[in-house]
Amino acid sequence: MSHTIMARLFGIVAALVVLPVAAQQAPIVIKFSHVTTSETPKGKGADQFKKLAEERSNGRVKVEVYPNSSLYKDKEELEALQLGAVQMLAPSVSKFGPLGVREFEVFDLPYIFDSIEEMHRITEGPLGQMLLNKLEVRGILGLAYWDNGFKQMSANRPLKKPDDIRGLKLRIQSSKVLEAQMRSVNALPQVMAFSEVYQAMQTGVVDGSENTLSNIYTQKHHEVQKFITLSDHGYIGYAVITNKKFWDGLPADIRGILDGAMKDATKHANDIAKKENDDALEGIRKSGKTQILTLTPAEKAEWKKAMVKSHRQMEERVGADLIKAFYKETGFDPNK
């Protein structure tokens, strides 16, 4: 056998050995950015997705999770996703209103859900999918909804009746619906990035906020707020989203693996959401740093009556037909 043929054969064998190694050294990298800590339901959901995606792809996919606004803050992350600087996010659904997809602000309507089961009728049904589809014109693909839970109010004065909140500066996410909700009880809404809230509370820039117990606890908001009212007045949920161009460009088998990983990570995140909030409530109680207030049914009805006025005010913005479709699916009665 000539030296030339031997050299060629050696080259082919070497290529067969080297190419798989090179492929292993250059996995598909997915940067998954979010604004909460790793200890929240969202943080644990993101970590579970990373684990499943990497295991099931045998290393062909690498998921880099950036929690706690370490990569992008609230106002930056959606633009970063659209530009392709990050591949996955799990923003609150409230974030899509400022992006121009106002229909998502229906989730912000106060007291529109009385239970997680009612909410799942939307997020796991055709109405939820219809809303995700509206993101595609913005170059965004919706993959799943993740639960967080019901919002509670915190402040440095006890909030038992709507009049108690009058004149207080309350931090909210950027949402016209949430602005209307706060104004319906004569509070002063203050739009602010999640990562800035603790310091704003500590320095008196804001008087209080609304959030889920797991977010309050992991961000230590309870350490700078004297009272937390268990109001259950609103819901925080997330949409896990990706850059559509990136996702469409993935190999079909990888997309299938990631779809399966996302489905299982979603179940994991949603299963633990209630427990995380229950555990956070216990942690807040044990800290002794804030007083927990529980509303009576009559007090809760008073809050609901005051805040539900914002539903009618937001019909033109969110869509009267969409609001009615939510009412029909959940059984909500705005007159009760």
C-alpha atoms as a PDB file:
ATOM      1  CA  MET A   1       0.000   0.000   0.000  1.00  0.00           C
ATOM      2  CA  SER A   2       1.470   3.333  -1.041  1.00  0.00           C
ATOM      3  CA  HIS A   3       2.380   6.006   1.456  1.00  0.00           C
ATOM      4  CA  THR A   4      -0.222   8.303  -0.159  1.00  0.00           C
ATOM      5  CA  ILE A   5      -3.087   5.835   0.331  1.00  0.00           C
ATOM      6  CA  MET A   6      -1.963   5.090   3.879  1.00  0.00           C
ATOM      7  CA  ALA A   7      -1.822   8.784   4.644  1.00  0.00           C
ATOM      8  CA  ARG A   8      -5.345   9.236   3.301  1.00  0.00           C
ATOM      9  CA  LEU A   9      -6.670   6.298   5.322  1.00  0.00           C
ATOM     10  CA  PHE A  10      -4.981   7.645   8.421  1.00  0.00           C
ATOM     11  CA  GLY A  11      -6.599  11.036   7.762  1.00  0.00           C
ATOM     12  CA  ILE A  12     -10.058   9.477   7.451  1.00  0.00           C
ATOM     13  CA  VAL A  13      -9.653   7.487  10.666  1.00  0.00           C
ATOM     14  CA  ALA A  14      -8.351  10.557  12.472  1.00  0.00           C
ATOM     15  CA  ALA A  15     -11.353  12.574  11.249  1.00  0.00           C
ATOM     16  CA  LEU A  16     -13.741   9.907  12.481  1.00  0.00           C
ATOM     17  CA  VAL A  17     -12.128  10.090  15.910  1.00  0.00           C
ATOM     18  CA  VAL A  18     -11.769  13.862  16.106  1.00  0.00           C
ATOM     19  CA  LEU A  19     -15.127  15.015  14.709  1.00  0.00           C
ATOM     20  CA  PRO A  20     -17.335  13.529  17.464  1.00  0.00           C
ATOM     21  CA  VAL A  21     -14.981  14.988  20.088  1.00  0.00           C
ATOM     22  CA  ALA A  22     -15.186  18.397  18.420  1.00  0.00           C
ATOM     23  CA  ALA A  23     -18.973  18.108  18.288  1.00  0.00           C
ATOM     24  CA  GLN A  24     -19.022  17.340  21.999  1.00  0.00           C
ATOM     25  CA  GLN A  25     -16.835  20.362  22.674  1.00  0.00           C
ATOM     26  CA  ALA A  26     -19.237  22.722  20.923  1.00  0.00           C
ATOM     27  CA  PRO A  27     -22.727  22.095  22.330  1.00  0.00           C
ATOM     28  CA  ILE A  28     -25.720  24.279  21.573  1.00  0.00           C
ATOM     29  CA  VAL A  29     -25.665  26.913  24.311  1.00  0.00           C
ATOM     30  CA  ILE A  30     -28.950  28.236  25.712  1.00  0.00           C
ATOM     31  CA  LYS A  31     -28.660  31.245  27.985  1.00  0.00           C
ATOM     32  CA  PHE A  32     -31.696  31.231  30.304  1.00  0.00           C
ATOM     33  CA  SER A  33     -31.996  34.515  32.198  1.00  0.00           C
ATOM     34  CA  HIS A  34     -34.483  35.350  34.950  1.00  0.00           C
ATOM     35  CA  VAL A  35     -34.918  37.958  37.700  1.00  0.00           C
ATOM     36  CA  THR A  36     -35.705  35.859  40.791  1.00  0.00           C
ATOM     37  CA  THR A  37     -33.412  33.772  42.994  1.00  0.00           C
ATOM     38  CA  SER A  38     -32.727  30.099  42.383  1.00  0.00           C
ATOM     39  CA  GLU A  39     -34.856  29.282  45.444  1.00  0.00           C
ATOM     40  CA  THR A  40     -38.151  30.491  43.917  1.00  0.00           C
ATOM     41  CA  PRO A  41     -40.496  28.247  41.888  1.00  0.00           C
ATOM     42  CA  LYS A  42     -39.233  29.945  38.720  1.00  0.00           C
ATOM     43  CA  GLY A  43     -35.601  29.437  39.744  1.00  0.00           C
ATOM     44  CA  LYS A  44     -36.170  25.770  40.505  1.00  0.00           C
ATOM     45  CA  GLY A  45     -38.083  25.318  37.245  1.00  0.00           C
ATOM     46  CA  ALA A  46     -35.196  26.817  35.260  1.00  0.00           C
ATOM     47  CA  ASP A  47     -32.683  24.572  37.023  1.00  0.00           C
ATOM     48  CA  GLN A  48     -34.852  21.510  36.362  1.00  0.00           C
ATOM     49  CA  PHE A  49     -35.077  22.405  32.663  1.00  0.00           C
ATOM     50  CA  LYS A  50     -31.268  22.707  32.553  1.00  0.00           C
ATOM     51  CA  LYS A  51     -30.838  19.306  34.191  1.00  0.00           C
ATOM     52  CA  LEU A  52     -33.298  17.517  31.899  1.00  0.00           C
ATOM     53  CA  ALA A  53     -32.162  19.220  28.680  1.00  0.00           C
ATOM     54  CA  GLU A  54     -28.495  18.415  29.283  1.00  0.00           C
ATOM     55  CA  GLU A  55     -29.127  14.824  30.394  1.00  0.00           C
ATOM     56  CA  ARG A  56     -31.511  13.948  27.577  1.00  0.00           C
ATOM     57  CA  SER A  57     -29.374  15.539  24.859  1.00  0.00           C
ATOM     58  CA  ASN A  58     -26.256  13.691  26.089  1.00  0.00           C
ATOM     59  CA  GLY A  59     -24.378  16.959  26.306  1.00  0.00           C
ATOM     60  CA  ARG A  60     -25.401  18.291  22.896  1.00  0.00           C
ATOM     61  CA  VAL A  61     -27.198  21.116  24.709  1.00  0.00           C
ATOM     62  CA  LYS A  62     -25.743  23.276  27.466  1.00  0.00           C
ATOM     63  CA  VAL A  63     -28.156  25.469  29.432  1.00  0.00           C
ATOM     64  CA  GLU A  64     -26.596  28.396  31.284  1.00  0.00           C
ATOM     65  CA  VAL A  65     -29.028  29.725  33.914  1.00  0.00           C
ATOM     66  CA  TYR A  66     -28.541  33.323  35.061  1.00  0.00           C
ATOM     67  CA  PRO A  67     -30.786  33.998  38.095  1.00  0.00           C
ATOM     68  CA  ASN A  68     -31.475  37.110  40.160  1.00  0.00           C
ATOM     69  CA  SER A  69     -31.047  39.672  37.338  1.00  0.00           C
ATOM     70  CA  SER A  70     -27.364  38.696  37.085  1.00  0.00           C
ATOM     71  CA  LEU A  71     -27.453  38.960  33.279  1.00  0.00           C
ATOM     72  CA  TYR A  72     -30.365  41.308  32.501  1.00  0.00           C
ATOM     73  CA  LYS A  73     -32.841  43.318  34.547  1.00  0.00           C
ATOM     74  CA  ASP A  74     -36.604  43.468  33.983  1.00  0.00           C
ATOM     75  CA  LYS A  75     -36.511  46.266  31.426  1.00  0.00           C
ATOM     76  CA  GLU A  76     -33.595  44.825  29.457  1.00  0.00           C
ATOM     77  CA  GLU A  77     -34.314  41.135  29.146  1.00  0.00           C
ATOM     78  CA  LEU A  78     -37.047  41.140  26.486  1.00  0.00           C
ATOM     79  CA  GLU A  79     -34.977  43.299  24.155  1.00  0.00           C
ATOM     80  CA  ALA A  80     -31.992  41.030  24.759  1.00  0.00           C
ATOM     81  CA  LEU A  81     -34.100  38.008  23.783  1.00  0.00           C
ATOM     82  CA  GLN A  82     -35.354  39.665  20.604  1.00  0.00           C
ATOM     83  CA  LEU A  83     -31.770  40.578  19.655  1.00  0.00           C
ATOM     84  CA  GLY A  84     -30.613  37.011  20.297  1.00  0.00           C
ATOM     85  CA  ALA A  85     -28.245  37.937  23.151  1.00  0.00           C
ATOM     86  CA  VAL A  86     -30.125  35.474  25.359  1.00  0.00           C
ATOM     87  CA  GLN A  87     -32.172  32.483  24.224  1.00  0.00           C
ATOM     88  CA  MET A  88     -34.727  31.898  26.995  1.00  0.00           C
ATOM     89  CA  LEU A  89     -36.564  33.930  29.618  1.00  0.00           C
ATOM     90  CA  ALA A  90     -39.438  33.382  32.022  1.00  0.00           C
ATOM     91  CA  PRO A  91     -40.865  36.878  32.514  1.00  0.00           C
ATOM     92  CA  SER A  92     -44.059  37.653  34.322  1.00  0.00           C
ATOM     93  CA  VAL A  93     -46.906  37.774  31.816  1.00  0.00           C
ATOM     94  CA  SER A  94     -47.335  41.434  32.813  1.00  0.00           C
ATOM     95  CA  LYS A  95     -44.176  42.232  30.833  1.00  0.00           C
ATOM     96  CA  PHE A  96     -45.890  41.683  27.481  1.00  0.00           C
ATOM     97  CA  GLY A  97     -48.254  44.666  27.773  1.00  0.00           C
ATOM     98  CA  PRO A  98     -45.433  47.217  27.417  1.00  0.00           C
ATOM     99  CA  LEU A  99     -44.131  45.114  24.504  1.00  0.00           C
ATOM    100  CA  GLY A 100     -47.389  45.834  22.694  1.00  0.00           C
ATOM    101  CA  VAL A 101     -49.246  42.578  23.367  1.00  0.00           C
ATOM    102  CA  ARG A 102     -51.791  44.121  25.732  1.00  0.00           C
ATOM    103  CA  GLU A 103     -54.025  41.079  25.888  1.00  0.00           C
ATOM    104  CA  PHE A 104     -51.656  39.472  28.400  1.00  0.00           C
ATOM    105  CA  GLU A 105     -52.602  42.153  30.909  1.00  0.00           C
ATOM    106  CA  VAL A 106     -55.870  40.276  31.420  1.00  0.00           C
ATOM    107  CA  PHE A 107     -53.875  38.125  33.881  1.00  0.00           C
ATOM    108  CA  ASP A 108     -53.280  41.260  35.976  1.00  0.00           C
ATOM    109  CA  LEU A 109     -56.960  41.959  36.579  1.00  0.00           C
ATOM    110  CA  PRO A 110     -57.505  41.793  40.351  1.00  0.00           C
ATOM    111  CA  TYR A 111     -59.470  38.857  41.748  1.00  0.00           C
ATOM    112  CA  ILE A 112     -60.062  37.346  38.276  1.00  0.00           C
ATOM    113  CA  PHE A 113     -58.903  33.949  39.617  1.00  0.00           C
ATOM    114  CA  ASP A 114     -60.194  32.470  42.859  1.00  0.00           C
ATOM    115  CA  SER A 115     -57.953  29.419  42.656  1.00  0.00           C
ATOM    116  CA  ILE A 116     -55.001  27.900  40.833  1.00  0.00           C
ATOM    117  CA  GLU A 117     -57.426  25.408  39.271  1.00  0.00           C
ATOM    118  CA  GLU A 118     -59.375  28.253  37.656  1.00  0.00           C
ATOM    119  CA  MET A 119     -56.151  29.740  36.333  1.00  0.00           C
ATOM    120  CA  HIS A 120     -55.043  26.404  34.849  1.00  0.00           C
ATOM    121  CA  ARG A 121     -58.246  26.274  32.813  1.00  0.00           C
ATOM    122  CA  ILE A 122     -56.791  29.260  30.983  1.00  0.00           C
ATOM    123  CA  THR A 123     -53.060  28.485  30.840  1.00  0.00           C
ATOM    124  CA  GLU A 124     -53.526  24.831  29.906  1.00  0.00           C
ATOM    125  CA  GLY A 125     -56.349  25.506  27.452  1.00  0.00           C
ATOM    126  CA  PRO A 126     -56.969  27.212  24.091  1.00  0.00           C
ATOM    127  CA  LEU A 127     -57.170  30.732  25.549  1.00  0.00           C
ATOM    128  CA  GLY A 128     -53.668  30.428  26.984  1.00  0.00           C
ATOM    129  CA  GLN A 129     -52.272  29.089  23.705  1.00  0.00           C
ATOM    130  CA  MET A 130     -54.014  31.834  21.729  1.00  0.00           C
ATOM    131  CA  LEU A 131     -52.250  34.444  23.853  1.00  0.00           C
ATOM    132  CA  LEU A 132     -48.837  32.782  23.416  1.00  0.00           C
ATOM    133  CA  ASN A 133     -49.369  32.758  19.647  1.00  0.00           C
ATOM    134  CA  LYS A 134     -49.689  36.558  19.686  1.00  0.00           C
ATOM    135  CA  LEU A 135     -46.016  36.842  20.675  1.00  0.00           C
ATOM    136  CA  GLU A 136     -44.737  35.379  17.412  1.00  0.00           C
ATOM    137  CA  VAL A 137     -45.033  38.658  15.482  1.00  0.00           C
ATOM    138  CA  ARG A 138     -42.513  40.049  17.990  1.00  0.00           C
ATOM    139  CA  GLY A 139     -40.046  37.251  17.190  1.00  0.00           C
ATOM    140  CA  ILE A 140     -40.909  35.419  20.418  1.00  0.00           C
ATOM    141  CA  LEU A 141     -42.124  31.847  20.825  1.00  0.00           C
ATOM    142  CA  GLY A 142     -44.099  30.938  23.944  1.00  0.00           C
ATOM    143  CA  LEU A 143     -43.197  27.507  25.326  1.00  0.00           C
ATOM    144  CA  ALA A 144     -45.117  27.184  28.603  1.00  0.00           C
ATOM    145  CA  TYR A 145     -46.774  28.921  31.537  1.00  0.00           C
ATOM    146  CA  TRP A 146     -45.217  28.568  34.968  1.00  0.00           C
ATOM    147  CA  ASP A 147     -47.076  29.290  38.195  1.00  0.00           C
ATOM    148  CA  ASN A 148     -45.863  31.462  41.001  1.00  0.00           C
ATOM    149  CA  GLY A 149     -48.976  32.115  43.019  1.00  0.00           C
ATOM    150  CA  PHE A 150     -51.273  34.717  44.463  1.00  0.00           C
ATOM    151  CA  LYS A 151     -50.056  38.172  45.412  1.00  0.00           C
ATOM    152  CA  GLN A 152     -50.143  39.619  48.899  1.00  0.00           C
ATOM    153  CA  MET A 153     -49.759  43.257  49.911  1.00  0.00           C
ATOM    154  CA  SER A 154     -47.005  44.563  52.135  1.00  0.00           C
ATOM    155  CA  ALA A 155     -46.585  47.996  53.727  1.00  0.00           C
ATOM    156  CA  ASN A 156     -45.391  49.770  56.823  1.00  0.00           C
ATOM    157  CA  ARG A 157     -48.941  50.198  58.023  1.00  0.00           C
ATOM    158  CA  PRO A 158     -51.619  47.509  58.453  1.00  0.00           C
ATOM    159  CA  LEU A 159     -53.783  47.090  55.348  1.00  0.00           C
ATOM    160  CA  LYS A 160     -57.121  45.657  56.432  1.00  0.00           C
ATOM    161  CA  LYS A 161     -59.519  47.835  54.437  1.00  0.00           C
ATOM    162  CA  PRO A 162     -59.168  49.661  51.117  1.00  0.00           C
ATOM    163  CA  ASP A 163     -59.033  53.027  52.906  1.00  0.00           C
ATOM    164  CA  ASP A 164     -55.849  51.895  54.682  1.00  0.00           C
ATOM    165  CA  ILE A 165     -53.870  51.961  51.442  1.00  0.00           C
ATOM    166  CA  ARG A 166     -54.918  55.477  50.434  1.00  0.00           C
ATOM    167  CA  GLY A 167     -51.940  57.683  49.516  1.00  0.00           C
ATOM    168  CA  LEU A 168     -49.299  54.955  49.866  1.00  0.00           C
ATOM    169  CA  LYS A 169     -46.645  54.512  47.162  1.00  0.00           C
ATOM    170  CA  LEU A 170     -46.861  50.872  46.077  1.00  0.00           C
ATOM    171  CA  ARG A 171     -44.335  49.246  43.765  1.00  0.00           C
ATOM    172  CA  ILE A 172     -45.871  47.465  40.774  1.00  0.00           C
ATOM    173  CA  GLN A 173     -44.659  45.817  37.608  1.00  0.00           C
ATOM    174  CA  SER A 174     -45.051  47.851  34.439  1.00  0.00           C
ATOM    175  CA  SER A 175     -48.733  47.279  33.660  1.00  0.00           C
ATOM    176  CA  LYS A 176     -51.553  49.720  32.963  1.00  0.00           C
ATOM    177  CA  VAL A 177     -53.937  47.233  34.559  1.00  0.00           C
ATOM    178  CA  LEU A 178     -51.927  47.199  37.780  1.00  0.00           C
ATOM    179  CA  GLU A 179     -51.835  50.990  37.717  1.00  0.00           C
ATOM    180  CA  ALA A 180     -55.642  51.039  37.436  1.00  0.00           C
ATOM    181  CA  GLN A 181     -55.925  48.434  40.197  1.00  0.00           C
ATOM    182  CA  MET A 182     -53.883  50.570  42.615  1.00  0.00           C
ATOM    183  CA  ARG A 183     -55.687  53.769  41.694  1.00  0.00           C
ATOM    184  CA  SER A 184     -59.021  52.035  42.326  1.00  0.00           C
ATOM    185  CA  VAL A 185     -58.078  51.997  46.027  1.00  0.00           C
ATOM    186  CA  ASN A 186     -56.390  55.435  45.912  1.00  0.00           C
ATOM    187  CA  ALA A 187     -52.836  54.109  46.179  1.00  0.00           C
ATOM    188  CA  LEU A 188     -49.963  55.625  44.164  1.00  0.00           C
ATOM    189  CA  PRO A 189     -48.474  53.000  41.804  1.00  0.00           C
ATOM    190  CA  GLN A 190     -44.699  53.114  41.291  1.00  0.00           C
ATOM    191  CA  VAL A 191     -43.246  51.103  38.394  1.00  0.00           C
ATOM    192  CA  MET A 192     -39.866  49.679  39.409  1.00  0.00           C
ATOM    193  CA  ALA A 193     -37.538  46.802  38.488  1.00  0.00           C
ATOM    194  CA  PHE A 194     -37.842  43.830  40.840  1.00  0.00           C
ATOM    195  CA  SER A 195     -34.151  43.944  41.725  1.00  0.00           C
ATOM    196  CA  GLU A 196     -34.504  47.530  43.025  1.00  0.00           C
ATOM    197  CA  VAL A 197     -37.466  46.991  45.357  1.00  0.00           C
ATOM    198  CA  TYR A 198     -35.637  46.009  48.561  1.00  0.00           C
ATOM    199  CA  GLN A 199     -33.535  49.166  48.619  1.00  0.00           C
ATOM    200  CA  ALA A 200     -36.547  51.303  47.670  1.00  0.00           C
ATOM    201  CA  MET A 201     -38.449  49.876  50.654  1.00  0.00           C
ATOM    202  CA  GLN A 202     -35.467  50.273  52.953  1.00  0.00           C
ATOM    203  CA  THR A 203     -34.993  53.940  52.043  1.00  0.00           C
ATOM    204  CA  GLY A 204     -38.678  54.862  51.902  1.00  0.00           C
ATOM    205  CA  VAL A 205     -38.793  55.490  48.154  1.00  0.00           C
ATOM    206  CA  VAL A 206     -41.834  53.187  48.189  1.00  0.00           C
ATOM    207  CA  ASP A 207     -44.154  52.422  51.101  1.00  0.00           C
ATOM    208  CA  GLY A 208     -44.984  48.896  50.070  1.00  0.00           C
ATOM    209  CA  SER A 209     -45.523  46.421  47.282  1.00  0.00           C
ATOM    210  CA  GLU A 210     -47.522  43.454  46.040  1.00  0.00           C
ATOM    211  CA  ASN A 211     -45.939  40.090  45.392  1.00  0.00           C
ATOM    212  CA  THR A 212     -46.095  36.394  46.082  1.00  0.00           C
ATOM    213  CA  LEU A 213     -44.800  35.110  49.397  1.00  0.00           C
ATOM    214  CA  SER A 214     -41.928  33.194  47.792  1.00  0.00           C
ATOM    215  CA  ASN A 215     -40.716  36.360  46.062  1.00  0.00           C
ATOM    216  CA  ILE A 216     -41.163  38.441  49.223  1.00  0.00           C
ATOM    217  CA  TYR A 217     -39.238  35.930  51.326  1.00  0.00           C
ATOM    218  CA  THR A 218     -36.356  35.149  48.972  1.00  0.00           C
ATOM    219  CA  GLN A 219     -35.791  38.857  48.284  1.00  0.00           C
ATOM    220  CA  LYS A 220     -36.041  39.617  52.042  1.00  0.00           C
ATOM    221  CA  HIS A 221     -38.758  42.236  51.523  1.00  0.00           C
ATOM    222  CA  HIS A 222     -40.310  41.134  54.818  1.00  0.00           C
ATOM    223  CA  GLU A 223     -37.247  42.495  56.606  1.00  0.00           C
ATOM    224  CA  VAL A 224     -38.066  46.051  55.496  1.00  0.00           C
ATOM    225  CA  GLN A 225     -41.881  45.899  55.708  1.00  0.00           C
ATOM    226  CA  LYS A 226     -43.798  45.945  58.986  1.00  0.00           C
ATOM    227  CA  PHE A 227     -46.977  44.251  57.723  1.00  0.00           C
ATOM    228  CA  ILE A 228     -47.993  41.680  55.103  1.00  0.00           C
ATOM    229  CA  THR A 229     -51.687  41.302  54.311  1.00  0.00           C
ATOM    230  CA  LEU A 230     -52.794  37.917  52.920  1.00  0.00           C
ATOM    231  CA  SER A 231     -55.040  39.477  50.301  1.00  0.00           C
ATOM    232  CA  ASP A 232     -54.746  36.960  47.414  1.00  0.00           C
ATOM    233  CA  HIS A 233     -55.867  39.868  45.249  1.00  0.00           C
ATOM    234  CA  GLY A 234     -53.906  39.064  42.112  1.00  0.00           C
ATOM    235  CA  TYR A 235     -51.913  36.379  40.399  1.00  0.00           C
ATOM    236  CA  ILE A 236     -48.313  36.199  39.219  1.00  0.00           C
ATOM    237  CA  GLY A 237     -47.465  33.689  36.561  1.00  0.00           C
ATOM    238  CA  TYR A 238     -44.707  33.466  34.008  1.00  0.00           C
ATOM    239  CA  ALA A 239     -44.464  32.608  30.342  1.00  0.00           C
ATOM    240  CA  VAL A 240     -41.351  30.696  29.400  1.00  0.00           C
ATOM    241  CA  ILE A 241     -40.304  32.140  26.062  1.00  0.00           C
ATOM    242  CA  THR A 242     -37.543  31.763  23.517  1.00  0.00           C
ATOM    243  CA  ASN A 243     -36.204  33.614  20.513  1.00  0.00           C
ATOM    244  CA  LYS A 244     -38.293  32.205  17.650  1.00  0.00           C
ATOM    245  CA  LYS A 245     -35.520  32.372  15.063  1.00  0.00           C
ATOM    246  CA  PHE A 246     -33.155  30.513  17.399  1.00  0.00           C
ATOM    247  CA  TRP A 247     -35.739  27.825  18.206  1.00  0.00           C
ATOM    248  CA  ASP A 248     -36.762  27.302  14.582  1.00  0.00           C
ATOM    249  CA  GLY A 249     -33.086  26.918  13.649  1.00  0.00           C
ATOM    250  CA  LEU A 250     -32.466  24.045  16.059  1.00  0.00           C
ATOM    251  CA  PRO A 251     -32.142  20.482  14.731  1.00  0.00           C
ATOM    252  CA  ALA A 252     -35.555  18.793  14.832  1.00  0.00           C
ATOM    253  CA  ASP A 253     -34.416  16.075  17.248  1.00  0.00           C
ATOM    254  CA  ILE A 254     -32.991  18.663  19.666  1.00  0.00           C
ATOM    255  CA  ARG A 255     -36.248  20.641  19.512  1.00  0.00           C
ATOM    256  CA  GLY A 256     -38.121  17.480  20.413  1.00  0.00           C
ATOM    257  CA  ILE A 257     -35.827  16.823  23.373  1.00  0.00           C
ATOM    258  CA  LEU A 258     -36.208  20.401  24.613  1.00  0.00           C
ATOM    259  CA  ASP A 259     -39.989  20.293  24.220  1.00  0.00           C
ATOM    260  CA  GLY A 260     -40.098  17.207  26.424  1.00  0.00           C
ATOM    261  CA  ALA A 261     -37.725  18.738  28.968  1.00  0.00           C
ATOM    262  CA  MET A 262     -39.859  21.888  29.096  1.00  0.00           C
ATOM    263  CA  LYS A 263     -43.051  19.882  29.599  1.00  0.00           C
ATOM    264  CA  ASP A 264     -41.544  18.011  32.559  1.00  0.00           C
ATOM    265  CA  ALA A 265     -39.871  21.135  34.002  1.00  0.00           C
ATOM    266  CA  THR A 266     -43.241  22.917  33.813  1.00  0.00           C
ATOM    267  CA  LYS A 267     -44.928  20.195  35.837  1.00  0.00           C
ATOM    268  CA  HIS A 268     -42.080  20.365  38.359  1.00  0.00           C
ATOM    269  CA  ALA A 269     -42.272  24.160  38.682  1.00  0.00           C
ATOM    270  CA  ASN A 270     -46.061  24.194  38.991  1.00  0.00           C
ATOM    271  CA  ASP A 271     -46.142  21.314  41.477  1.00  0.00           C
ATOM    272  CA  ILE A 272     -43.775  23.069  43.857  1.00  0.00           C
ATOM    273  CA  ALA A 273     -45.169  26.617  43.533  1.00  0.00           C
ATOM    274  CA  LYS A 274     -47.804  26.246  46.269  1.00  0.00           C
ATOM    275  CA  LYS A 275     -45.375  24.505  48.634  1.00  0.00           C
ATOM    276  CA  GLU A 276     -42.756  27.214  48.081  1.00  0.00           C
ATOM    277  CA  ASN A 277     -45.287  29.919  49.003  1.00  0.00           C
ATOM    278  CA  ASP A 278     -46.469  27.952  52.049  1.00  0.00           C
ATOM    279  CA  ASP A 279     -42.861  27.465  53.163  1.00  0.00           C
ATOM    280  CA  ALA A 280     -42.133  31.157  52.597  1.00  0.00           C
ATOM    281  CA  LEU A 281     -45.082  32.137  54.784  1.00  0.00           C
ATOM    282  CA  GLU A 282     -43.740  29.926  57.554  1.00  0.00           C
ATOM    283  CA  GLY A 283     -40.266  31.411  57.128  1.00  0.00           C
ATOM    284  CA  ILE A 284     -41.654  34.954  57.318  1.00  0.00           C
ATOM    285  CA  ARG A 285     -43.606  34.087  60.472  1.00  0.00           C
ATOM    286  CA  LYS A 286     -40.534  32.570  62.116  1.00  0.00           C
ATOM    287  CA  SER A 287     -38.384  35.591  61.270  1.00  0.00           C
ATOM    288  CA  GLY A 288     -40.500  37.775  63.536  1.00  0.00           C
ATOM    289  CA  LYS A 289     -39.624  40.780  61.391  1.00  0.00           C
ATOM    290  CA  THR A 290     -43.110  41.496  60.062  1.00  0.00           C
ATOM    291  CA  GLN A 291     -46.689  40.979  61.165  1.00  0.00           C
ATOM    292  CA  ILE A 292     -48.942  38.728  59.059  1.00  0.00           C
ATOM    293  CA  LEU A 293     -52.534  39.970  58.672  1.00  0.00           C
ATOM    294  CA  THR A 294     -55.363  37.660  57.553  1.00  0.00           C
ATOM    295  CA  LEU A 295     -58.487  39.212  56.061  1.00  0.00           C
ATOM    296  CA  THR A 296     -61.951  38.135  57.144  1.00  0.00           C
ATOM    297  CA  PRO A 297     -64.347  37.141  54.328  1.00  0.00           C
ATOM    298  CA  ALA A 298     -66.115  40.499  54.746  1.00  0.00           C
ATOM    299  CA  GLU A 299     -62.838  42.441  54.532  1.00  0.00           C
ATOM    300  CA  LYS A 300     -61.755  40.501  51.453  1.00  0.00           C
ATOM    301  CA  ALA A 301     -65.131  41.198  49.814  1.00  0.00           C
ATOM    302  CA  GLU A 302     -64.574  44.912  50.431  1.00  0.00           C
ATOM    303  CA  TRP A 303     -61.188  44.809  48.677  1.00  0.00           C
ATOM    304  CA  LYS A 304     -62.666  42.847  45.791  1.00  0.00           C
ATOM    305  CA  LYS A 305     -65.567  45.253  45.350  1.00  0.00           C
ATOM    306  CA  ALA A 306     -63.185  48.221  45.258  1.00  0.00           C
ATOM    307  CA  MET A 307     -60.611  46.702  42.903  1.00  0.00           C
ATOM    308  CA  VAL A 308     -62.929  44.985  40.429  1.00  0.00           C
ATOM    309  CA  LYS A 309     -63.938  48.417  39.154  1.00  0.00           C
ATOM    310  CA  SER A 310     -60.684  48.338  37.225  1.00  0.00           C
ATOM    311  CA  HIS A 311     -61.970  45.453  35.057  1.00  0.00           C
ATOM    312  CA  ARG A 312     -64.459  47.731  33.329  1.00  0.00           C
ATOM    313  CA  GLN A 313     -61.895  50.508  33.008  1.00  0.00           C
ATOM    314  CA  MET A 314     -59.484  48.160  31.218  1.00  0.00           C
ATOM    315  CA  GLU A 315     -61.929  46.676  28.710  1.00  0.00           C
ATOM    316  CA  GLU A 316     -60.791  48.944  25.886  1.00  0.00           C
ATOM    317  CA  ARG A 317     -57.115  48.253  26.550  1.00  0.00           C
ATOM    318  CA  VAL A 318     -57.225  44.508  27.174  1.00  0.00           C
ATOM    319  CA  GLY A 319     -60.300  43.623  25.131  1.00  0.00           C
ATOM    320  CA  ALA A 320     -63.859  43.295  26.438  1.00  0.00           C
ATOM    321  CA  ASP A 321     -64.397  40.014  24.569  1.00  0.00           C
ATOM    322  CA  LEU A 322     -61.213  38.510  26.040  1.00  0.00           C
ATOM    323  CA  ILE A 323     -62.238  39.494  29.562  1.00  0.00           C
ATOM    324  CA  LYS A 324     -65.665  37.920  29.005  1.00  0.00           C
ATOM    325  CA  ALA A 325     -63.999  34.750  27.673  1.00  0.00           C
ATOM    326  CA  PHE A 326     -61.937  34.566  30.891  1.00  0.00           C
ATOM    327  CA  TYR A 327     -65.089  35.077  32.974  1.00  0.00           C
ATOM    328  CA  LYS A 328     -66.815  32.251  31.100  1.00  0.00           C
ATOM    329  CA  GLU A 329     -63.908  29.846  31.473  1.00  0.00           C
ATOM    330  CA  THR A 330     -63.315  30.501  35.167  1.00  0.00           C
ATOM    331  CA  GLY A 331     -66.874  31.171  36.287  1.00  0.00           C
ATOM    332  CA  PHE A 332     -65.953  34.635  37.558  1.00  0.00           C
ATOM    333  CA  ASP A 333     -68.863  36.906  38.476  1.00  0.00           C
ATOM    334  CA  PRO A 334     -67.793  40.591  38.651  1.00  0.00           C
ATOM    335  CA  ASN A 335     -70.955  41.441  40.579  1.00  0.00           C
ATOM    336  CA  LYS A 336     -70.174  39.212  43.560  1.00  0.00           C
END
